[in-house]
Amino acid sequence: MEYNIEIFLSYTRSSNIYIILEGKEALVVDAGLPEFASTVVTHIKDLKNVQRVHLVFTHCHYDHVFGYTVFRKSFKKVETYAHELDANDIKNATIKTYSMFFGAREGVPVDHLLKEGDSLSVGSLDVKVLHTPGHTEGSITLLLDECAFVGDLIFNRSFGRYDLLSGNPKDLKKSILRLSKMKELKVIYPGHGSIISSPRENFKIVLSLLDDI
């Protein structure tokens, strides 16, 4: 089964954005902030063959969501997805999303509610959904073969904040422990910063930082 993963690392306030391409469909992991999203939209349009865009929010924070406005204006068909525990916050731009901090004045629609064990079909691909709370109540991880798209759960030698609204340190550690036991993982794509190409080593470092939780 052939597919491509396009990587857009922001190194700004915006989240990273990842595109999984298969056939005429694109699964976009997080929308970033509008200015950064514009770069990604231009790239997708340059491919010319993408006819359907699936936009998945790994959690409700608007540095991962607000770029939806650019996708909405650029494609006829954009379907949005989020975990059921974060979807209402995204749709209503509640205080939990920190939307005002990123300049958003209105909510973003969520077309499909996700939960643990769901699968997203993109062309002939099945992308598995894991509920991995801790950074927010409805944070998710997407699994595709040996790859994990983790949002702000874990970073290179660090982990996501748990002191924001709906964050929970014990849930965060539990979610990271869960992923650390998946020996098949070879690449982790975080919501910010660089790609994690040595997951085993990174899990050891991060879990040691969470020893006291």
C-alpha atoms as a PDB file:
ATOM      1  CA  MET A   1       0.000   0.000   0.000  1.00  0.00           C
ATOM      2  CA  GLU A   2       1.592   3.249  -1.148  1.00  0.00           C
ATOM      3  CA  TYR A   3       1.080   6.628   0.483  1.00  0.00           C
ATOM      4  CA  ASN A   4       3.106   9.735   1.210  1.00  0.00           C
ATOM      5  CA  ILE A   5       3.520  11.733   4.397  1.00  0.00           C
ATOM      6  CA  GLU A   6       4.246  15.418   3.810  1.00  0.00           C
ATOM      7  CA  ILE A   7       5.844  17.209   6.775  1.00  0.00           C
ATOM      8  CA  PHE A   8       5.476  20.920   7.566  1.00  0.00           C
ATOM      9  CA  LEU A   9       7.378  21.985  10.686  1.00  0.00           C
ATOM     10  CA  SER A  10       6.506  25.487  11.836  1.00  0.00           C
ATOM     11  CA  TYR A  11       8.908  26.416  14.672  1.00  0.00           C
ATOM     12  CA  THR A  12       6.499  29.303  15.375  1.00  0.00           C
ATOM     13  CA  ARG A  13       3.406  29.618  17.564  1.00  0.00           C
ATOM     14  CA  SER A  14       1.580  27.535  14.967  1.00  0.00           C
ATOM     15  CA  SER A  15       1.463  23.785  15.295  1.00  0.00           C
ATOM     16  CA  ASN A  16       3.189  21.537  12.819  1.00  0.00           C
ATOM     17  CA  ILE A  17       0.981  20.248  10.014  1.00  0.00           C
ATOM     18  CA  TYR A  18       1.205  16.801   8.453  1.00  0.00           C
ATOM     19  CA  ILE A  19      -0.454  15.512   5.304  1.00  0.00           C
ATOM     20  CA  ILE A  20      -1.074  11.835   4.586  1.00  0.00           C
ATOM     21  CA  LEU A  21      -1.691  11.451   0.861  1.00  0.00           C
ATOM     22  CA  GLU A  22      -3.303   8.423  -0.722  1.00  0.00           C
ATOM     23  CA  GLY A  23      -4.868   8.536  -4.146  1.00  0.00           C
ATOM     24  CA  LYS A  24      -7.097  11.602  -4.502  1.00  0.00           C
ATOM     25  CA  GLU A  25      -7.560  12.093  -0.771  1.00  0.00           C
ATOM     26  CA  ALA A  26      -5.545  13.949   1.853  1.00  0.00           C
ATOM     27  CA  LEU A  27      -5.702  13.522   5.609  1.00  0.00           C
ATOM     28  CA  VAL A  28      -4.349  16.684   7.216  1.00  0.00           C
ATOM     29  CA  VAL A  29      -3.255  16.348  10.840  1.00  0.00           C
ATOM     30  CA  ASP A  30      -3.915  19.706  12.528  1.00  0.00           C
ATOM     31  CA  ALA A  31      -4.557  23.001  10.761  1.00  0.00           C
ATOM     32  CA  GLY A  32      -2.014  25.226  12.491  1.00  0.00           C
ATOM     33  CA  LEU A  33      -2.502  28.994  12.425  1.00  0.00           C
ATOM     34  CA  PRO A  34      -3.792  30.694   9.244  1.00  0.00           C
ATOM     35  CA  GLU A  35      -0.504  32.107   7.938  1.00  0.00           C
ATOM     36  CA  PHE A  36       1.252  28.753   8.220  1.00  0.00           C
ATOM     37  CA  ALA A  37      -1.798  26.884   6.907  1.00  0.00           C
ATOM     38  CA  SER A  38      -1.620  28.969   3.731  1.00  0.00           C
ATOM     39  CA  THR A  39       1.717  27.358   2.878  1.00  0.00           C
ATOM     40  CA  VAL A  40       0.234  23.900   3.278  1.00  0.00           C
ATOM     41  CA  VAL A  41      -2.866  24.726   1.244  1.00  0.00           C
ATOM     42  CA  THR A  42      -0.697  26.029  -1.602  1.00  0.00           C
ATOM     43  CA  HIS A  43       1.263  22.774  -1.557  1.00  0.00           C
ATOM     44  CA  ILE A  44      -1.887  20.644  -1.695  1.00  0.00           C
ATOM     45  CA  LYS A  45      -3.252  22.702  -4.577  1.00  0.00           C
ATOM     46  CA  ASP A  46       0.021  22.290  -6.462  1.00  0.00           C
ATOM     47  CA  LEU A  47      -0.489  18.518  -6.306  1.00  0.00           C
ATOM     48  CA  LYS A  48      -3.623  19.078  -8.432  1.00  0.00           C
ATOM     49  CA  ASN A  49      -5.063  15.581  -7.901  1.00  0.00           C
ATOM     50  CA  VAL A  50      -6.429  16.015  -4.337  1.00  0.00           C
ATOM     51  CA  GLN A  51     -10.206  16.113  -4.421  1.00  0.00           C
ATOM     52  CA  ARG A  52     -11.102  15.473  -0.795  1.00  0.00           C
ATOM     53  CA  VAL A  53      -9.516  16.823   2.397  1.00  0.00           C
ATOM     54  CA  HIS A  54      -9.977  15.252   5.833  1.00  0.00           C
ATOM     55  CA  LEU A  55      -8.824  17.682   8.539  1.00  0.00           C
ATOM     56  CA  VAL A  56      -8.189  16.109  11.959  1.00  0.00           C
ATOM     57  CA  PHE A  57      -7.615  18.190  15.083  1.00  0.00           C
ATOM     58  CA  THR A  58      -5.471  16.331  17.617  1.00  0.00           C
ATOM     59  CA  HIS A  59      -6.911  18.534  20.366  1.00  0.00           C
ATOM     60  CA  CYS A  60      -8.841  21.743  20.927  1.00  0.00           C
ATOM     61  CA  HIS A  61      -6.104  24.396  21.216  1.00  0.00           C
ATOM     62  CA  TYR A  62      -6.458  26.934  18.441  1.00  0.00           C
ATOM     63  CA  ASP A  63      -2.801  26.912  17.393  1.00  0.00           C
ATOM     64  CA  HIS A  64      -3.819  23.526  15.936  1.00  0.00           C
ATOM     65  CA  VAL A  65      -7.295  24.577  14.768  1.00  0.00           C
ATOM     66  CA  PHE A  66      -7.493  28.190  13.554  1.00  0.00           C
ATOM     67  CA  GLY A  67      -5.909  27.440  10.172  1.00  0.00           C
ATOM     68  CA  TYR A  68      -9.190  25.751   9.254  1.00  0.00           C
ATOM     69  CA  THR A  69     -10.353  29.127   7.942  1.00  0.00           C
ATOM     70  CA  VAL A  70      -7.771  28.902   5.155  1.00  0.00           C
ATOM     71  CA  PHE A  71      -8.718  25.322   4.239  1.00  0.00           C
ATOM     72  CA  ARG A  72     -12.404  26.248   4.192  1.00  0.00           C
ATOM     73  CA  LYS A  73     -11.841  29.035   1.684  1.00  0.00           C
ATOM     74  CA  SER A  74      -9.541  26.943  -0.509  1.00  0.00           C
ATOM     75  CA  PHE A  75     -11.338  23.620  -1.002  1.00  0.00           C
ATOM     76  CA  LYS A  76     -14.916  22.694  -1.869  1.00  0.00           C
ATOM     77  CA  LYS A  77     -14.929  19.699   0.441  1.00  0.00           C
ATOM     78  CA  VAL A  78     -13.193  19.827   3.838  1.00  0.00           C
ATOM     79  CA  GLU A  79     -14.403  17.433   6.521  1.00  0.00           C
ATOM     80  CA  THR A  80     -13.287  18.086  10.087  1.00  0.00           C
ATOM     81  CA  TYR A  81     -12.731  15.575  12.887  1.00  0.00           C
ATOM     82  CA  ALA A  82     -12.051  15.831  16.634  1.00  0.00           C
ATOM     83  CA  HIS A  83     -12.491  13.745  19.745  1.00  0.00           C
ATOM     84  CA  GLU A  84     -15.956  14.001  21.227  1.00  0.00           C
ATOM     85  CA  LEU A  85     -14.575  15.457  24.476  1.00  0.00           C
ATOM     86  CA  ASP A  86     -12.882  18.397  22.699  1.00  0.00           C
ATOM     87  CA  ALA A  87     -15.358  18.945  19.856  1.00  0.00           C
ATOM     88  CA  ASN A  88     -17.742  21.240  21.712  1.00  0.00           C
ATOM     89  CA  ASP A  89     -14.881  23.499  22.784  1.00  0.00           C
ATOM     90  CA  ILE A  90     -13.642  23.718  19.195  1.00  0.00           C
ATOM     91  CA  LYS A  91     -17.101  24.504  17.823  1.00  0.00           C
ATOM     92  CA  ASN A  92     -17.742  27.225  20.395  1.00  0.00           C
ATOM     93  CA  ALA A  93     -14.187  28.577  20.761  1.00  0.00           C
ATOM     94  CA  THR A  94     -14.448  28.211  24.525  1.00  0.00           C
ATOM     95  CA  ILE A  95     -11.870  29.426  26.985  1.00  0.00           C
ATOM     96  CA  LYS A  96     -10.311  25.941  26.940  1.00  0.00           C
ATOM     97  CA  THR A  97      -9.166  26.485  23.354  1.00  0.00           C
ATOM     98  CA  TYR A  98      -7.271  29.749  24.057  1.00  0.00           C
ATOM     99  CA  SER A  99      -8.801  30.977  20.795  1.00  0.00           C
ATOM    100  CA  MET A 100      -8.652  34.673  21.716  1.00  0.00           C
ATOM    101  CA  PHE A 101      -4.926  34.359  22.372  1.00  0.00           C
ATOM    102  CA  PHE A 102      -4.471  33.317  18.738  1.00  0.00           C
ATOM    103  CA  GLY A 103      -6.779  35.965  17.319  1.00  0.00           C
ATOM    104  CA  ALA A 104      -9.833  33.805  16.634  1.00  0.00           C
ATOM    105  CA  ARG A 105     -13.253  35.362  17.155  1.00  0.00           C
ATOM    106  CA  GLU A 106     -15.517  32.464  16.258  1.00  0.00           C
ATOM    107  CA  GLY A 107     -15.655  28.702  16.514  1.00  0.00           C
ATOM    108  CA  VAL A 108     -14.703  26.058  13.969  1.00  0.00           C
ATOM    109  CA  PRO A 109     -17.168  23.332  12.908  1.00  0.00           C
ATOM    110  CA  VAL A 110     -16.519  19.684  13.706  1.00  0.00           C
ATOM    111  CA  ASP A 111     -18.232  17.366  11.237  1.00  0.00           C
ATOM    112  CA  HIS A 112     -17.221  14.039  12.777  1.00  0.00           C
ATOM    113  CA  LEU A 113     -16.809  13.051  16.427  1.00  0.00           C
ATOM    114  CA  LEU A 114     -14.027  10.613  17.237  1.00  0.00           C
ATOM    115  CA  LYS A 115     -13.489   8.226  20.099  1.00  0.00           C
ATOM    116  CA  GLU A 116     -11.069   5.493  21.153  1.00  0.00           C
ATOM    117  CA  GLY A 117     -10.856   2.685  18.600  1.00  0.00           C
ATOM    118  CA  ASP A 118     -12.291   4.586  15.639  1.00  0.00           C
ATOM    119  CA  SER A 119     -10.642   4.385  12.234  1.00  0.00           C
ATOM    120  CA  LEU A 120     -10.413   7.055   9.564  1.00  0.00           C
ATOM    121  CA  SER A 121     -10.587   5.885   5.962  1.00  0.00           C
ATOM    122  CA  VAL A 122      -8.403   7.844   3.561  1.00  0.00           C
ATOM    123  CA  GLY A 123      -8.445   6.246   0.163  1.00  0.00           C
ATOM    124  CA  SER A 124      -7.483   2.653   0.899  1.00  0.00           C
ATOM    125  CA  LEU A 125      -5.840   3.544   4.236  1.00  0.00           C
ATOM    126  CA  ASP A 126      -7.208   2.988   7.720  1.00  0.00           C
ATOM    127  CA  VAL A 127      -5.824   5.373  10.323  1.00  0.00           C
ATOM    128  CA  LYS A 128      -6.483   4.270  13.910  1.00  0.00           C
ATOM    129  CA  VAL A 129      -7.620   6.702  16.600  1.00  0.00           C
ATOM    130  CA  LEU A 130      -6.338   6.460  20.172  1.00  0.00           C
ATOM    131  CA  HIS A 131      -7.686   8.603  22.994  1.00  0.00           C
ATOM    132  CA  THR A 132      -4.569   9.945  24.727  1.00  0.00           C
ATOM    133  CA  PRO A 133      -5.701  12.596  27.240  1.00  0.00           C
ATOM    134  CA  GLY A 134      -3.440  14.660  29.449  1.00  0.00           C
ATOM    135  CA  HIS A 135      -2.656  17.770  27.423  1.00  0.00           C
ATOM    136  CA  THR A 136      -6.403  18.221  26.997  1.00  0.00           C
ATOM    137  CA  GLU A 137      -9.295  15.992  27.935  1.00  0.00           C
ATOM    138  CA  GLY A 138      -9.937  15.017  24.329  1.00  0.00           C
ATOM    139  CA  SER A 139      -6.393  14.756  22.960  1.00  0.00           C
ATOM    140  CA  ILE A 140      -5.904  11.983  20.408  1.00  0.00           C
ATOM    141  CA  THR A 141      -3.091  10.090  18.704  1.00  0.00           C
ATOM    142  CA  LEU A 142      -3.383   8.827  15.128  1.00  0.00           C
ATOM    143  CA  LEU A 143      -1.647   5.571  14.217  1.00  0.00           C
ATOM    144  CA  LEU A 144      -0.656   4.580  10.704  1.00  0.00           C
ATOM    145  CA  ASP A 145       1.593   1.532  10.410  1.00  0.00           C
ATOM    146  CA  GLU A 146       4.785   2.381  12.365  1.00  0.00           C
ATOM    147  CA  CYS A 147       3.968   6.083  12.677  1.00  0.00           C
ATOM    148  CA  ALA A 148       2.188   8.014  15.443  1.00  0.00           C
ATOM    149  CA  PHE A 149       0.836  11.553  15.142  1.00  0.00           C
ATOM    150  CA  VAL A 150       0.609  12.635  18.763  1.00  0.00           C
ATOM    151  CA  GLY A 151      -0.344  16.313  18.848  1.00  0.00           C
ATOM    152  CA  ASP A 152       1.066  17.890  22.013  1.00  0.00           C
ATOM    153  CA  LEU A 153       1.285  14.699  24.056  1.00  0.00           C
ATOM    154  CA  ILE A 154       5.034  14.252  23.671  1.00  0.00           C
ATOM    155  CA  PHE A 155       7.884  16.134  22.027  1.00  0.00           C
ATOM    156  CA  ASN A 156      11.557  15.526  21.344  1.00  0.00           C
ATOM    157  CA  ARG A 157      12.990  15.133  24.878  1.00  0.00           C
ATOM    158  CA  SER A 158       9.946  16.795  26.395  1.00  0.00           C
ATOM    159  CA  PHE A 159       6.197  16.452  26.921  1.00  0.00           C
ATOM    160  CA  GLY A 160       3.080  18.545  26.499  1.00  0.00           C
ATOM    161  CA  ARG A 161       1.849  20.950  29.139  1.00  0.00           C
ATOM    162  CA  TYR A 162      -0.669  19.579  31.590  1.00  0.00           C
ATOM    163  CA  ASP A 163      -1.250  22.798  33.546  1.00  0.00           C
ATOM    164  CA  LEU A 164      -3.633  24.328  31.010  1.00  0.00           C
ATOM    165  CA  LEU A 165      -7.418  24.056  31.175  1.00  0.00           C
ATOM    166  CA  SER A 166      -8.574  20.396  30.903  1.00  0.00           C
ATOM    167  CA  GLY A 167      -4.971  19.150  31.213  1.00  0.00           C
ATOM    168  CA  ASN A 168      -4.147  16.413  33.698  1.00  0.00           C
ATOM    169  CA  PRO A 169      -0.620  15.255  34.657  1.00  0.00           C
ATOM    170  CA  LYS A 170      -1.611  11.710  35.619  1.00  0.00           C
ATOM    171  CA  ASP A 171      -3.539  11.239  32.384  1.00  0.00           C
ATOM    172  CA  LEU A 172      -0.593  12.614  30.406  1.00  0.00           C
ATOM    173  CA  LYS A 173       1.837  10.158  31.973  1.00  0.00           C
ATOM    174  CA  LYS A 174      -0.599   7.272  31.487  1.00  0.00           C
ATOM    175  CA  SER A 175      -1.018   8.141  27.809  1.00  0.00           C
ATOM    176  CA  ILE A 176       2.748   8.379  27.256  1.00  0.00           C
ATOM    177  CA  LEU A 177       3.266   5.053  29.045  1.00  0.00           C
ATOM    178  CA  ARG A 178       0.688   3.499  26.759  1.00  0.00           C
ATOM    179  CA  LEU A 179       2.508   4.617  23.633  1.00  0.00           C
ATOM    180  CA  SER A 180       5.876   3.593  25.072  1.00  0.00           C
ATOM    181  CA  LYS A 181       4.692  -0.022  25.140  1.00  0.00           C
ATOM    182  CA  MET A 182       4.003  -0.025  21.399  1.00  0.00           C
ATOM    183  CA  LYS A 183       7.260  -1.525  20.203  1.00  0.00           C
ATOM    184  CA  GLU A 184       6.239  -1.224  16.560  1.00  0.00           C
ATOM    185  CA  LEU A 185       6.490   2.582  16.645  1.00  0.00           C
ATOM    186  CA  LYS A 186       9.452   3.866  14.657  1.00  0.00           C
ATOM    187  CA  VAL A 187       8.536   7.508  14.031  1.00  0.00           C
ATOM    188  CA  ILE A 188       6.599  10.018  16.134  1.00  0.00           C
ATOM    189  CA  TYR A 189       5.231  13.188  14.601  1.00  0.00           C
ATOM    190  CA  PRO A 190       4.666  15.775  17.375  1.00  0.00           C
ATOM    191  CA  GLY A 191       2.539  18.904  17.277  1.00  0.00           C
ATOM    192  CA  HIS A 192       5.587  21.181  17.686  1.00  0.00           C
ATOM    193  CA  GLY A 193       9.306  20.838  17.120  1.00  0.00           C
ATOM    194  CA  SER A 194      11.271  18.150  15.331  1.00  0.00           C
ATOM    195  CA  ILE A 195      10.304  14.631  14.316  1.00  0.00           C
ATOM    196  CA  ILE A 196      11.150  11.902  16.834  1.00  0.00           C
ATOM    197  CA  SER A 197      13.043   9.214  14.944  1.00  0.00           C
ATOM    198  CA  SER A 198      14.186   7.243  18.011  1.00  0.00           C
ATOM    199  CA  PRO A 199      10.977   6.717  20.005  1.00  0.00           C
ATOM    200  CA  ARG A 200      12.403   4.175  22.472  1.00  0.00           C
ATOM    201  CA  GLU A 201      15.168   6.500  23.619  1.00  0.00           C
ATOM    202  CA  ASN A 202      12.814   9.467  23.716  1.00  0.00           C
ATOM    203  CA  PHE A 203      10.246   7.625  25.843  1.00  0.00           C
ATOM    204  CA  LYS A 204      12.932   6.808  28.400  1.00  0.00           C
ATOM    205  CA  ILE A 205      13.987  10.439  28.635  1.00  0.00           C
ATOM    206  CA  VAL A 206      10.468  11.781  28.876  1.00  0.00           C
ATOM    207  CA  LEU A 207       9.234   9.224  31.385  1.00  0.00           C
ATOM    208  CA  SER A 208      12.229   9.979  33.590  1.00  0.00           C
ATOM    209  CA  LEU A 209      11.107  13.611  33.611  1.00  0.00           C
ATOM    210  CA  LEU A 210       7.677  12.457  34.772  1.00  0.00           C
ATOM    211  CA  ASP A 211       8.959  10.224  37.591  1.00  0.00           C
ATOM    212  CA  ASP A 212       7.426  12.346  40.342  1.00  0.00           C
ATOM    213  CA  ILE A 213       3.914  12.341  38.865  1.00  0.00           C
END
